[in-house]
Amino acid sequence: MKKSLIIIGICGLTSLTACQNNSNMAQDSLYEESGNTINVNDQRADIYNRNNGSTNKSEDFGYVRHHRSPIVGENVSYDHYAAIDREKVADIIGKYCTEVPNVYDVSTLVTDKEVIIIYATDTDSRNHTADQVKKMAMSVVPSWYNIYVSDNTALRQNVESFATLDSDSRNAHFAIDKLIKDIQKSPQGK
């Protein structure tokens, strides 16, 4: 009786070890050392494209492939959602808008659902310039953002007062809505 229990125990341990080895082999084939399945801009040459000596990352195409889960039935984590860095977006929009002819001073505020741009210009065609400034912002933010532009530089101080606030600030949305009504008195483009 004891011999058969010992033999069954050894066989059980052997089979568990074999299952563990198969599991590790399967996981190793799906996940490389970094834990990424397929992330092209990771600089490992064994599974990713190299940039062929190019040092200018802005010339590289961006390609990433994701799988919901490499293991059937595994619960998927939703901690991969990214947030927009509104400060960087405002900076990009402001830089782009200074490229518009006759626009020489730009203040940009990006909230959770609006982009507000106050710009100084010496143009004769206010509506055309407003349209160009608005299109610059549209090229940067997702389409669900509402974009408001104004060449009334007297509103700049009101926009700057929101710089230290965030989406959770008390009465911020009410004050922004009031500011938007003032901004909409200026040409908004097409």
N, C-alpha and C. Protein backbone atom coordinates (compact mmCIF):
# COMPACT_ATOMS: atom_id res chain seq x y z
N MET A 1 0.81 -1.19 0.00
CA MET A 1 0.00 0.00 0.00
C MET A 1 0.86 1.26 0.00
N LYS A 2 1.92 1.22 0.86
CA LYS A 2 2.80 2.38 0.93
C LYS A 2 3.53 2.59 -0.39
N LYS A 3 3.94 1.51 -1.02
CA LYS A 3 4.66 1.63 -2.28
C LYS A 3 3.77 2.25 -3.35
N SER A 4 2.52 1.84 -3.41
CA SER A 4 1.63 2.40 -4.43
C SER A 4 1.35 3.88 -4.17
N LEU A 5 1.24 4.30 -2.92
CA LEU A 5 1.06 5.72 -2.60
C LEU A 5 2.29 6.53 -2.99
N ILE A 6 3.46 5.98 -2.74
CA ILE A 6 4.70 6.67 -3.11
C ILE A 6 4.80 6.79 -4.62
N ILE A 7 4.47 5.74 -5.34
CA ILE A 7 4.52 5.77 -6.80
C ILE A 7 3.52 6.77 -7.35
N ILE A 8 2.29 6.79 -6.82
CA ILE A 8 1.27 7.74 -7.26
C ILE A 8 1.72 9.17 -6.95
N GLY A 9 2.33 9.38 -5.79
CA GLY A 9 2.83 10.72 -5.43
C GLY A 9 3.93 11.20 -6.38
N ILE A 10 4.86 10.31 -6.71
CA ILE A 10 5.94 10.67 -7.63
C ILE A 10 5.38 10.96 -9.02
N CYS A 11 4.44 10.15 -9.48
CA CYS A 11 3.81 10.37 -10.80
C CYS A 11 3.06 11.71 -10.81
N GLY A 12 2.37 12.02 -9.72
CA GLY A 12 1.64 13.29 -9.63
C GLY A 12 2.59 14.48 -9.68
N LEU A 13 3.69 14.42 -8.92
CA LEU A 13 4.67 15.50 -8.93
C LEU A 13 5.31 15.65 -10.31
N THR A 14 5.58 14.54 -10.96
CA THR A 14 6.18 14.58 -12.29
C THR A 14 5.23 15.23 -13.29
N SER A 15 3.97 14.86 -13.22
CA SER A 15 3.01 15.44 -14.17
C SER A 15 2.79 16.93 -13.90
N LEU A 16 2.78 17.34 -12.63
CA LEU A 16 2.66 18.76 -12.31
C LEU A 16 3.87 19.54 -12.79
N THR A 17 5.03 18.98 -12.66
CA THR A 17 6.25 19.62 -13.15
C THR A 17 6.21 19.74 -14.67
N ALA A 18 5.74 18.72 -15.34
CA ALA A 18 5.64 18.75 -16.80
C ALA A 18 4.64 19.82 -17.23
N CYS A 19 3.51 19.93 -16.52
CA CYS A 19 2.53 20.98 -16.85
C CYS A 19 3.13 22.36 -16.66
N GLN A 20 3.87 22.51 -15.60
CA GLN A 20 4.50 23.81 -15.34
C GLN A 20 5.51 24.14 -16.44
N ASN A 21 6.28 23.17 -16.89
CA ASN A 21 7.24 23.41 -17.96
C ASN A 21 6.53 23.79 -19.26
N ASN A 22 5.43 23.10 -19.58
CA ASN A 22 4.67 23.45 -20.77
C ASN A 22 4.09 24.85 -20.66
N SER A 23 3.63 25.21 -19.48
CA SER A 23 3.07 26.55 -19.27
C SER A 23 4.15 27.61 -19.48
N ASN A 24 5.34 27.36 -18.94
CA ASN A 24 6.44 28.32 -19.12
C ASN A 24 6.85 28.42 -20.57
N MET A 25 6.86 27.27 -21.28
CA MET A 25 7.24 27.30 -22.69
C MET A 25 6.21 28.10 -23.49
N ALA A 26 4.93 27.91 -23.19
CA ALA A 26 3.89 28.65 -23.91
C ALA A 26 3.98 30.13 -23.60
N GLN A 27 4.23 30.45 -22.35
CA GLN A 27 4.33 31.86 -21.99
C GLN A 27 5.57 32.48 -22.62
N ASP A 28 6.67 31.76 -22.64
CA ASP A 28 7.89 32.28 -23.26
C ASP A 28 7.69 32.53 -24.75
N SER A 29 6.88 31.70 -25.39
CA SER A 29 6.67 31.92 -26.81
C SER A 29 5.77 33.12 -27.08
N LEU A 30 4.88 33.46 -26.14
CA LEU A 30 4.02 34.62 -26.32
C LEU A 30 4.69 35.90 -25.84
N TYR A 31 5.33 35.83 -24.71
CA TYR A 31 5.91 37.02 -24.11
C TYR A 31 7.42 36.96 -24.16
N GLU A 32 8.01 37.92 -24.79
CA GLU A 32 9.46 38.00 -24.78
C GLU A 32 9.91 38.53 -23.42
N GLU A 33 11.17 38.74 -23.24
CA GLU A 33 11.71 39.12 -21.94
C GLU A 33 11.09 40.37 -21.36
N SER A 34 10.69 41.32 -22.19
CA SER A 34 10.14 42.57 -21.69
C SER A 34 8.71 42.42 -21.22
N GLY A 35 8.02 41.34 -21.60
CA GLY A 35 6.62 41.17 -21.25
C GLY A 35 5.69 41.73 -22.31
N ASN A 36 6.22 42.36 -23.35
CA ASN A 36 5.39 42.89 -24.43
C ASN A 36 5.14 41.80 -25.45
N THR A 37 3.93 41.77 -25.98
CA THR A 37 3.68 40.80 -27.03
C THR A 37 4.23 41.32 -28.34
N ILE A 38 3.68 42.43 -28.83
CA ILE A 38 4.17 42.99 -30.09
C ILE A 38 4.17 44.49 -29.94
N ASN A 39 5.30 45.07 -29.74
CA ASN A 39 5.43 46.52 -29.63
C ASN A 39 6.61 46.92 -30.49
N VAL A 40 6.32 47.48 -31.63
CA VAL A 40 7.32 47.67 -32.67
C VAL A 40 8.43 48.61 -32.25
N ASN A 41 8.14 49.65 -31.49
CA ASN A 41 9.17 50.62 -31.17
C ASN A 41 10.08 50.18 -30.04
N ASP A 42 9.87 48.99 -29.48
CA ASP A 42 10.83 48.42 -28.56
C ASP A 42 12.06 48.08 -29.39
N GLN A 43 13.25 48.42 -28.95
CA GLN A 43 14.43 48.35 -29.79
C GLN A 43 15.10 46.98 -29.80
N ARG A 44 14.40 45.91 -29.50
CA ARG A 44 14.99 44.59 -29.59
C ARG A 44 14.88 44.09 -31.02
N ALA A 45 15.98 43.63 -31.57
CA ALA A 45 16.04 43.27 -32.98
C ALA A 45 15.42 41.92 -33.29
N ASP A 46 15.22 41.08 -32.27
CA ASP A 46 14.78 39.73 -32.57
C ASP A 46 13.34 39.66 -33.08
N ILE A 47 12.44 40.56 -32.65
CA ILE A 47 11.06 40.50 -33.12
C ILE A 47 10.56 41.82 -33.68
N TYR A 48 11.37 42.85 -33.67
CA TYR A 48 10.91 44.16 -34.10
C TYR A 48 11.74 44.69 -35.25
N ASN A 49 11.13 45.62 -35.98
CA ASN A 49 11.85 46.28 -37.06
C ASN A 49 12.87 47.24 -36.49
N ARG A 50 14.01 47.30 -37.10
CA ARG A 50 15.03 48.28 -36.72
C ARG A 50 14.79 49.55 -37.51
N ASN A 51 15.32 50.65 -37.05
CA ASN A 51 15.11 51.91 -37.77
C ASN A 51 16.19 52.18 -38.81
N ASN A 52 16.97 51.17 -39.14
CA ASN A 52 17.99 51.25 -40.19
C ASN A 52 18.93 52.43 -40.02
N GLY A 53 19.31 52.73 -38.81
CA GLY A 53 20.27 53.79 -38.57
C GLY A 53 19.67 55.18 -38.52
N SER A 54 18.39 55.31 -38.75
CA SER A 54 17.74 56.62 -38.72
C SER A 54 17.67 57.12 -37.29
N THR A 55 18.07 58.35 -37.07
CA THR A 55 18.02 58.93 -35.72
C THR A 55 16.83 59.86 -35.55
N ASN A 56 16.09 60.12 -36.62
CA ASN A 56 14.96 61.02 -36.57
C ASN A 56 13.69 60.20 -36.36
N LYS A 57 13.22 60.13 -35.13
CA LYS A 57 12.04 59.34 -34.80
C LYS A 57 10.78 59.87 -35.45
N SER A 58 10.74 61.17 -35.80
CA SER A 58 9.54 61.72 -36.42
C SER A 58 9.33 61.19 -37.82
N GLU A 59 10.33 60.56 -38.41
CA GLU A 59 10.20 59.98 -39.74
C GLU A 59 9.69 58.55 -39.68
N ASP A 60 9.79 57.90 -38.52
CA ASP A 60 9.39 56.51 -38.39
C ASP A 60 7.87 56.38 -38.39
N PHE A 61 7.38 55.32 -39.02
CA PHE A 61 5.98 54.98 -38.90
C PHE A 61 5.75 54.39 -37.52
N GLY A 62 4.56 54.51 -37.02
CA GLY A 62 4.22 53.90 -35.74
C GLY A 62 3.29 52.73 -35.97
N TYR A 63 3.65 51.57 -35.51
CA TYR A 63 2.81 50.38 -35.66
C TYR A 63 2.89 49.57 -34.39
N VAL A 64 1.73 49.20 -33.84
CA VAL A 64 1.66 48.34 -32.68
C VAL A 64 0.49 47.39 -32.89
N ARG A 65 0.65 46.16 -32.52
CA ARG A 65 -0.42 45.18 -32.60
C ARG A 65 -0.69 44.67 -31.20
N HIS A 66 -1.97 44.63 -30.80
CA HIS A 66 -2.35 44.17 -29.47
C HIS A 66 -3.33 43.01 -29.59
N HIS A 67 -3.24 42.10 -28.65
CA HIS A 67 -4.20 41.01 -28.52
C HIS A 67 -5.00 41.25 -27.26
N ARG A 68 -6.28 40.95 -27.31
CA ARG A 68 -7.11 41.12 -26.11
C ARG A 68 -6.52 40.31 -24.98
N SER A 69 -6.26 39.05 -25.23
CA SER A 69 -5.65 38.20 -24.23
C SER A 69 -5.02 37.01 -24.95
N PRO A 70 -3.77 36.71 -24.64
CA PRO A 70 -3.15 35.56 -25.29
C PRO A 70 -3.64 34.22 -24.73
N ILE A 71 -4.37 34.25 -23.61
CA ILE A 71 -4.85 33.03 -22.98
C ILE A 71 -6.38 33.07 -23.02
N VAL A 72 -6.99 32.06 -23.58
CA VAL A 72 -8.44 32.00 -23.72
C VAL A 72 -9.07 31.99 -22.33
N GLY A 73 -10.07 32.85 -22.15
CA GLY A 73 -10.80 32.89 -20.89
C GLY A 73 -10.17 33.74 -19.81
N GLU A 74 -9.03 34.32 -20.08
CA GLU A 74 -8.37 35.15 -19.06
C GLU A 74 -9.07 36.50 -18.99
N ASN A 75 -9.25 37.01 -17.78
CA ASN A 75 -9.82 38.34 -17.62
C ASN A 75 -8.81 39.37 -18.09
N VAL A 76 -9.30 40.38 -18.79
CA VAL A 76 -8.44 41.39 -19.36
C VAL A 76 -8.43 42.61 -18.45
N SER A 77 -7.27 43.14 -18.20
CA SER A 77 -7.12 44.34 -17.38
C SER A 77 -7.34 45.57 -18.24
N TYR A 78 -8.00 46.56 -17.68
CA TYR A 78 -8.26 47.79 -18.42
C TYR A 78 -7.41 48.93 -17.87
N ASP A 79 -6.21 48.65 -17.40
CA ASP A 79 -5.34 49.69 -16.86
C ASP A 79 -4.43 50.30 -17.92
N HIS A 80 -4.70 50.03 -19.18
CA HIS A 80 -3.85 50.51 -20.26
C HIS A 80 -4.37 51.79 -20.90
N TYR A 81 -5.46 52.33 -20.41
CA TYR A 81 -6.00 53.54 -21.03
C TYR A 81 -5.08 54.72 -20.75
N ALA A 82 -4.85 55.50 -21.78
CA ALA A 82 -3.95 56.65 -21.67
C ALA A 82 -4.78 57.92 -21.48
N ALA A 83 -4.17 58.89 -20.88
CA ALA A 83 -4.80 60.19 -20.71
C ALA A 83 -4.07 61.20 -21.58
N ILE A 84 -4.80 62.19 -22.01
CA ILE A 84 -4.20 63.25 -22.83
C ILE A 84 -3.49 64.22 -21.89
N ASP A 85 -2.26 64.53 -22.19
CA ASP A 85 -1.54 65.55 -21.44
C ASP A 85 -1.96 66.90 -22.01
N ARG A 86 -2.89 67.55 -21.35
CA ARG A 86 -3.51 68.78 -21.88
C ARG A 86 -2.51 69.92 -22.02
N GLU A 87 -1.53 69.94 -21.14
CA GLU A 87 -0.50 70.99 -21.22
C GLU A 87 0.31 70.86 -22.51
N LYS A 88 0.69 69.62 -22.84
CA LYS A 88 1.45 69.40 -24.07
C LYS A 88 0.60 69.68 -25.30
N VAL A 89 -0.67 69.29 -25.24
CA VAL A 89 -1.57 69.54 -26.37
C VAL A 89 -1.73 71.04 -26.58
N ALA A 90 -1.90 71.79 -25.49
CA ALA A 90 -2.02 73.25 -25.59
C ALA A 90 -0.75 73.85 -26.18
N ASP A 91 0.40 73.32 -25.79
CA ASP A 91 1.67 73.80 -26.33
C ASP A 91 1.77 73.54 -27.82
N ILE A 92 1.41 72.34 -28.24
CA ILE A 92 1.47 72.00 -29.67
C ILE A 92 0.53 72.88 -30.48
N ILE A 93 -0.69 73.05 -29.99
CA ILE A 93 -1.66 73.89 -30.71
C ILE A 93 -1.15 75.32 -30.81
N GLY A 94 -0.63 75.85 -29.72
CA GLY A 94 -0.11 77.22 -29.73
C GLY A 94 1.02 77.39 -30.74
N LYS A 95 1.92 76.42 -30.78
CA LYS A 95 3.03 76.50 -31.75
C LYS A 95 2.53 76.42 -33.18
N TYR A 96 1.58 75.52 -33.42
CA TYR A 96 1.02 75.42 -34.77
C TYR A 96 0.32 76.71 -35.18
N CYS A 97 -0.43 77.30 -34.26
CA CYS A 97 -1.20 78.50 -34.60
C CYS A 97 -0.31 79.70 -34.90
N THR A 98 0.88 79.74 -34.32
CA THR A 98 1.78 80.85 -34.64
C THR A 98 2.32 80.75 -36.07
N GLU A 99 2.13 79.60 -36.71
CA GLU A 99 2.52 79.42 -38.10
C GLU A 99 1.49 79.99 -39.07
N VAL A 100 0.29 80.30 -38.57
CA VAL A 100 -0.75 80.89 -39.42
C VAL A 100 -0.32 82.31 -39.79
N PRO A 101 -0.43 82.68 -41.07
CA PRO A 101 -0.04 84.05 -41.46
C PRO A 101 -0.83 85.10 -40.68
N ASN A 102 -0.14 86.15 -40.27
CA ASN A 102 -0.70 87.29 -39.55
C ASN A 102 -1.09 86.99 -38.11
N VAL A 103 -0.76 85.81 -37.58
CA VAL A 103 -1.01 85.49 -36.17
C VAL A 103 0.34 85.50 -35.47
N TYR A 104 0.45 86.31 -34.42
CA TYR A 104 1.76 86.44 -33.79
C TYR A 104 1.76 86.22 -32.28
N ASP A 105 0.62 86.04 -31.66
CA ASP A 105 0.59 85.78 -30.22
C ASP A 105 -0.61 84.89 -29.93
N VAL A 106 -0.37 83.73 -29.32
CA VAL A 106 -1.44 82.74 -29.13
C VAL A 106 -1.45 82.25 -27.69
N SER A 107 -2.63 82.25 -27.09
CA SER A 107 -2.84 81.64 -25.78
C SER A 107 -3.84 80.50 -25.97
N THR A 108 -3.51 79.34 -25.43
CA THR A 108 -4.34 78.16 -25.65
C THR A 108 -4.68 77.50 -24.32
N LEU A 109 -5.94 77.17 -24.15
CA LEU A 109 -6.42 76.44 -22.98
C LEU A 109 -7.09 75.17 -23.47
N VAL A 110 -6.69 74.02 -22.93
CA VAL A 110 -7.29 72.74 -23.27
C VAL A 110 -7.93 72.20 -22.00
N THR A 111 -9.24 71.99 -22.04
CA THR A 111 -9.96 71.41 -20.91
C THR A 111 -10.29 69.96 -21.25
N ASP A 112 -11.23 69.39 -20.53
CA ASP A 112 -11.61 68.01 -20.81
C ASP A 112 -12.46 67.87 -22.07
N LYS A 113 -13.08 68.95 -22.54
CA LYS A 113 -13.88 68.85 -23.75
C LYS A 113 -13.83 70.08 -24.65
N GLU A 114 -13.05 71.09 -24.29
CA GLU A 114 -12.94 72.29 -25.10
C GLU A 114 -11.48 72.67 -25.33
N VAL A 115 -11.28 73.34 -26.47
CA VAL A 115 -10.01 74.02 -26.75
C VAL A 115 -10.38 75.48 -26.97
N ILE A 116 -9.75 76.36 -26.20
CA ILE A 116 -10.01 77.79 -26.31
C ILE A 116 -8.71 78.47 -26.72
N ILE A 117 -8.79 79.22 -27.82
CA ILE A 117 -7.60 79.87 -28.36
C ILE A 117 -7.87 81.36 -28.49
N ILE A 118 -7.01 82.15 -27.86
CA ILE A 118 -7.04 83.60 -28.02
C ILE A 118 -5.76 83.97 -28.77
N TYR A 119 -5.91 84.71 -29.85
CA TYR A 119 -4.74 85.04 -30.66
C TYR A 119 -4.76 86.51 -31.06
N ALA A 120 -3.58 87.06 -31.22
CA ALA A 120 -3.42 88.43 -31.71
C ALA A 120 -3.08 88.36 -33.18
N THR A 121 -3.73 89.20 -33.97
CA THR A 121 -3.53 89.18 -35.41
C THR A 121 -3.66 90.59 -35.98
N ASP A 122 -3.08 90.77 -37.14
CA ASP A 122 -3.21 92.05 -37.84
C ASP A 122 -3.79 91.81 -39.24
N THR A 123 -4.68 90.82 -39.34
CA THR A 123 -5.24 90.44 -40.62
C THR A 123 -6.42 91.32 -41.01
N ASP A 124 -6.67 91.39 -42.29
CA ASP A 124 -7.85 92.09 -42.80
C ASP A 124 -9.04 91.12 -42.90
N SER A 125 -8.77 89.85 -42.96
CA SER A 125 -9.82 88.83 -43.10
C SER A 125 -9.93 88.04 -41.79
N ARG A 126 -10.68 88.56 -40.86
CA ARG A 126 -10.79 87.93 -39.54
C ARG A 126 -11.39 86.53 -39.61
N ASN A 127 -12.40 86.35 -40.44
CA ASN A 127 -13.07 85.05 -40.53
C ASN A 127 -12.13 83.99 -41.12
N HIS A 128 -11.37 84.35 -42.13
CA HIS A 128 -10.42 83.42 -42.74
C HIS A 128 -9.32 83.02 -41.74
N THR A 129 -8.81 83.99 -41.02
CA THR A 129 -7.77 83.70 -40.01
C THR A 129 -8.33 82.83 -38.89
N ALA A 130 -9.56 83.13 -38.45
CA ALA A 130 -10.20 82.31 -37.42
C ALA A 130 -10.35 80.87 -37.91
N ASP A 131 -10.71 80.71 -39.16
CA ASP A 131 -10.86 79.38 -39.74
C ASP A 131 -9.53 78.63 -39.75
N GLN A 132 -8.46 79.31 -40.10
CA GLN A 132 -7.14 78.67 -40.12
C GLN A 132 -6.67 78.28 -38.72
N VAL A 133 -6.89 79.17 -37.76
CA VAL A 133 -6.50 78.87 -36.38
C VAL A 133 -7.29 77.68 -35.87
N LYS A 134 -8.58 77.65 -36.15
CA LYS A 134 -9.43 76.54 -35.71
C LYS A 134 -8.99 75.22 -36.34
N LYS A 135 -8.63 75.26 -37.62
CA LYS A 135 -8.18 74.04 -38.29
C LYS A 135 -6.86 73.53 -37.73
N MET A 136 -6.01 74.43 -37.30
CA MET A 136 -4.75 74.00 -36.66
C MET A 136 -5.07 73.21 -35.39
N ALA A 137 -6.00 73.70 -34.60
CA ALA A 137 -6.38 72.99 -33.37
C ALA A 137 -7.06 71.67 -33.71
N MET A 138 -7.89 71.66 -34.74
CA MET A 138 -8.57 70.43 -35.14
C MET A 138 -7.59 69.34 -35.58
N SER A 139 -6.44 69.75 -36.07
CA SER A 139 -5.45 68.76 -36.51
C SER A 139 -4.74 68.09 -35.35
N VAL A 140 -4.93 68.61 -34.14
CA VAL A 140 -4.20 68.07 -32.98
C VAL A 140 -5.10 67.26 -32.05
N VAL A 141 -6.32 67.72 -31.81
CA VAL A 141 -7.18 67.09 -30.81
C VAL A 141 -8.19 66.14 -31.45
N PRO A 142 -8.74 65.22 -30.67
CA PRO A 142 -9.80 64.34 -31.19
C PRO A 142 -11.02 65.15 -31.63
N SER A 143 -11.81 64.58 -32.50
CA SER A 143 -12.93 65.31 -33.10
C SER A 143 -14.05 65.63 -32.11
N TRP A 144 -14.08 65.00 -30.96
CA TRP A 144 -15.14 65.30 -30.01
C TRP A 144 -14.87 66.56 -29.18
N TYR A 145 -13.73 67.18 -29.36
CA TYR A 145 -13.43 68.46 -28.70
C TYR A 145 -14.18 69.59 -29.41
N ASN A 146 -14.69 70.53 -28.65
CA ASN A 146 -15.26 71.76 -29.20
C ASN A 146 -14.15 72.80 -29.19
N ILE A 147 -13.97 73.48 -30.31
CA ILE A 147 -12.88 74.44 -30.45
C ILE A 147 -13.47 75.83 -30.61
N TYR A 148 -13.00 76.74 -29.77
CA TYR A 148 -13.46 78.12 -29.80
C TYR A 148 -12.24 79.02 -29.97
N VAL A 149 -12.35 79.99 -30.89
CA VAL A 149 -11.23 80.90 -31.17
C VAL A 149 -11.72 82.34 -31.08
N SER A 150 -10.80 83.22 -30.74
CA SER A 150 -11.13 84.64 -30.68
C SER A 150 -9.88 85.47 -30.92
N ASP A 151 -10.07 86.57 -31.65
CA ASP A 151 -8.98 87.52 -31.83
C ASP A 151 -9.13 88.71 -30.88
N ASN A 152 -10.02 88.60 -29.91
CA ASN A 152 -10.22 89.62 -28.89
C ASN A 152 -9.21 89.37 -27.76
N THR A 153 -8.10 90.06 -27.79
CA THR A 153 -7.03 89.80 -26.82
C THR A 153 -7.40 90.28 -25.41
N ALA A 154 -8.49 91.02 -25.28
CA ALA A 154 -8.94 91.42 -23.94
C ALA A 154 -9.41 90.19 -23.15
N LEU A 155 -9.75 89.11 -23.83
CA LEU A 155 -10.19 87.88 -23.17
C LEU A 155 -9.02 87.00 -22.71
N ARG A 156 -7.81 87.38 -23.09
CA ARG A 156 -6.64 86.57 -22.76
C ARG A 156 -6.49 86.37 -21.24
N GLN A 157 -6.71 87.43 -20.49
CA GLN A 157 -6.55 87.33 -19.04
C GLN A 157 -7.56 86.35 -18.44
N ASN A 158 -8.77 86.33 -18.99
CA ASN A 158 -9.78 85.37 -18.50
C ASN A 158 -9.33 83.93 -18.77
N VAL A 159 -8.76 83.71 -19.95
CA VAL A 159 -8.30 82.36 -20.29
C VAL A 159 -7.13 81.97 -19.41
N GLU A 160 -6.21 82.90 -19.17
CA GLU A 160 -5.05 82.60 -18.33
C GLU A 160 -5.46 82.27 -16.89
N SER A 161 -6.57 82.78 -16.44
CA SER A 161 -7.00 82.50 -15.06
C SER A 161 -7.38 81.04 -14.86
N PHE A 162 -7.64 80.32 -15.94
CA PHE A 162 -7.98 78.90 -15.83
C PHE A 162 -6.75 78.00 -15.84
N ALA A 163 -5.58 78.55 -16.02
CA ALA A 163 -4.36 77.75 -16.16
C ALA A 163 -4.07 76.88 -14.95
N THR A 164 -4.45 77.31 -13.76
CA THR A 164 -4.14 76.55 -12.55
C THR A 164 -5.28 75.64 -12.12
N LEU A 165 -6.39 75.64 -12.84
CA LEU A 165 -7.54 74.82 -12.48
C LEU A 165 -7.48 73.46 -13.16
N ASP A 166 -8.37 72.56 -12.74
CA ASP A 166 -8.50 71.27 -13.41
C ASP A 166 -9.98 70.94 -13.58
N SER A 167 -10.27 69.78 -14.11
CA SER A 167 -11.64 69.39 -14.41
C SER A 167 -12.52 69.27 -13.17
N ASP A 168 -11.91 69.03 -12.03
CA ASP A 168 -12.66 68.87 -10.80
C ASP A 168 -12.81 70.17 -10.00
N SER A 169 -12.26 71.26 -10.51
CA SER A 169 -12.34 72.53 -9.79
C SER A 169 -13.79 72.99 -9.71
N ARG A 170 -14.11 73.52 -8.56
CA ARG A 170 -15.48 73.96 -8.31
C ARG A 170 -15.84 75.14 -9.22
N ASN A 171 -16.98 75.08 -9.84
CA ASN A 171 -17.52 76.12 -10.72
C ASN A 171 -16.67 76.40 -11.95
N ALA A 172 -15.70 75.58 -12.25
CA ALA A 172 -14.84 75.81 -13.42
C ALA A 172 -15.65 75.72 -14.71
N HIS A 173 -16.49 74.72 -14.82
CA HIS A 173 -17.26 74.54 -16.05
C HIS A 173 -18.25 75.69 -16.26
N PHE A 174 -18.83 76.18 -15.19
CA PHE A 174 -19.75 77.32 -15.30
C PHE A 174 -19.00 78.55 -15.82
N ALA A 175 -17.82 78.81 -15.27
CA ALA A 175 -17.03 79.97 -15.70
C ALA A 175 -16.54 79.81 -17.14
N ILE A 176 -16.18 78.60 -17.53
CA ILE A 176 -15.73 78.35 -18.90
C ILE A 176 -16.89 78.57 -19.87
N ASP A 177 -18.07 78.10 -19.51
CA ASP A 177 -19.25 78.32 -20.37
C ASP A 177 -19.53 79.80 -20.56
N LYS A 178 -19.36 80.58 -19.52
CA LYS A 178 -19.55 82.03 -19.61
C LYS A 178 -18.49 82.65 -20.53
N LEU A 179 -17.25 82.20 -20.41
CA LEU A 179 -16.17 82.69 -21.26
C LEU A 179 -16.44 82.32 -22.73
N ILE A 180 -16.93 81.12 -22.97
CA ILE A 180 -17.21 80.68 -24.34
C ILE A 180 -18.26 81.57 -24.99
N LYS A 181 -19.25 81.99 -24.23
CA LYS A 181 -20.27 82.90 -24.79
C LYS A 181 -19.63 84.21 -25.24
N ASP A 182 -18.65 84.70 -24.49
CA ASP A 182 -17.94 85.92 -24.90
C ASP A 182 -17.07 85.66 -26.13
N ILE A 183 -16.44 84.51 -26.18
CA ILE A 183 -15.57 84.16 -27.30
C ILE A 183 -16.37 84.02 -28.59
N GLN A 184 -17.57 83.50 -28.49
CA GLN A 184 -18.38 83.27 -29.68
C GLN A 184 -18.85 84.55 -30.35
N LYS A 185 -18.62 85.68 -29.73
CA LYS A 185 -18.93 86.96 -30.36
C LYS A 185 -17.90 87.30 -31.44
N SER A 186 -16.75 86.63 -31.38
CA SER A 186 -15.69 86.80 -32.39
C SER A 186 -15.94 85.83 -33.54
N PRO A 187 -15.34 86.07 -34.72
CA PRO A 187 -15.48 85.13 -35.83
C PRO A 187 -14.94 83.75 -35.42
N GLN A 188 -15.68 82.70 -35.79
CA GLN A 188 -15.30 81.33 -35.45
C GLN A 188 -14.84 80.53 -36.66
N GLY A 189 -14.77 81.13 -37.82
CA GLY A 189 -14.38 80.39 -39.01
C GLY A 189 -15.54 79.56 -39.53
N LYS A 190 -15.24 78.69 -40.45
CA LYS A 190 -16.30 77.85 -41.07
C LYS A 190 -16.65 76.69 -40.21
